[in-house]
Protein backbone atom coordinates (compact mmCIF):
# COMPACT_ATOMS: atom_id res chain seq x y z
CA MET A 1 87.85 102.75 100.32
CA VAL A 2 91.34 103.97 101.13
CA VAL A 3 94.02 106.19 99.68
CA SER A 4 96.74 104.09 98.07
CA GLU A 5 99.94 103.87 100.11
CA ARG A 6 101.89 103.78 96.87
CA HIS A 7 100.20 106.59 94.89
CA ALA A 8 98.50 109.31 96.94
CA ASN A 9 96.22 110.29 94.07
CA PHE A 10 94.79 106.75 93.73
CA LEU A 11 91.84 105.47 95.71
CA VAL A 12 91.52 101.74 96.31
CA ASN A 13 88.18 100.05 96.82
CA GLU A 14 88.98 97.25 99.23
CA GLY A 15 85.53 95.80 98.80
CA GLY A 16 82.07 97.18 98.36
CA ALA A 17 82.49 100.95 98.62
CA THR A 18 79.63 102.85 97.02
CA ALA A 19 79.91 105.86 94.74
CA ALA A 20 78.61 107.99 97.63
CA GLU A 21 81.41 106.71 99.86
CA VAL A 22 83.99 107.52 97.19
CA ARG A 23 82.61 111.06 96.87
CA ALA A 24 82.67 111.46 100.66
CA LEU A 25 86.31 110.36 100.85
CA LEU A 26 87.25 112.75 98.04
CA ALA A 27 85.57 115.60 99.92
CA ARG A 28 87.43 114.69 103.14
CA ILE A 29 90.75 114.62 101.29
CA GLU A 30 90.09 117.97 99.62
CA ALA A 31 89.10 119.57 102.92
CA ALA A 32 92.15 118.18 104.74
CA VAL A 33 94.57 119.45 102.09
CA GLN A 34 92.86 122.85 102.04
CA GLU A 35 93.05 123.13 105.82
CA ARG A 36 96.60 121.85 106.24
CA PHE A 37 98.32 123.38 103.21
CA ASP A 38 95.89 126.12 102.11
CA VAL A 39 95.75 124.52 98.66
CA ALA A 40 92.54 123.90 96.76
CA LEU A 41 92.81 120.61 94.89
CA GLU A 42 91.35 120.37 91.40
CA ARG A 43 89.84 117.02 90.47
CA GLU A 44 90.97 115.38 87.28
CA LEU A 45 88.09 112.97 87.64
CA VAL A 46 84.94 113.78 85.72
CA GLU A 47 81.75 112.43 87.28
CA TRP A 48 78.82 111.58 85.06
CA PRO A 49 75.34 111.21 86.49
CA GLU A 50 73.82 107.75 86.59
CA PRO A 51 71.51 107.20 83.61
CA ALA A 52 67.83 106.90 84.39
CA GLY A 53 66.92 103.30 85.11
CA ALA A 54 70.53 102.20 85.73
CA PRO A 55 70.82 99.19 88.04
CA ASP A 56 71.98 99.94 91.54
CA ALA A 57 75.31 98.65 92.85
CA SER A 58 73.78 95.68 94.63
CA SER A 59 72.11 94.29 91.52
CA ALA A 60 75.21 94.97 89.41
CA ALA A 61 77.29 92.97 91.89
CA ASP A 62 74.89 90.05 91.56
CA ASP A 63 75.13 90.12 87.75
CA PRO A 64 78.38 91.75 86.57
CA ALA A 65 77.51 91.09 82.92
CA GLY A 66 74.38 93.18 83.29
CA SER A 67 72.11 90.59 81.73
């Protein structure tokens, strides 16, 4: 998971990043901007909790259709 070189507000999953890794990168970005520029970023992204019984990422990757 990296920040896009073309659009700084886009994250690019270069293969296999988990939701937890995305959240961790977002937190690092927010902290770095706060420290360097004294600006608190506001996320436009809305996170929804995983529904109970949802397949984990590894099983979803094995069966993208979810069947």
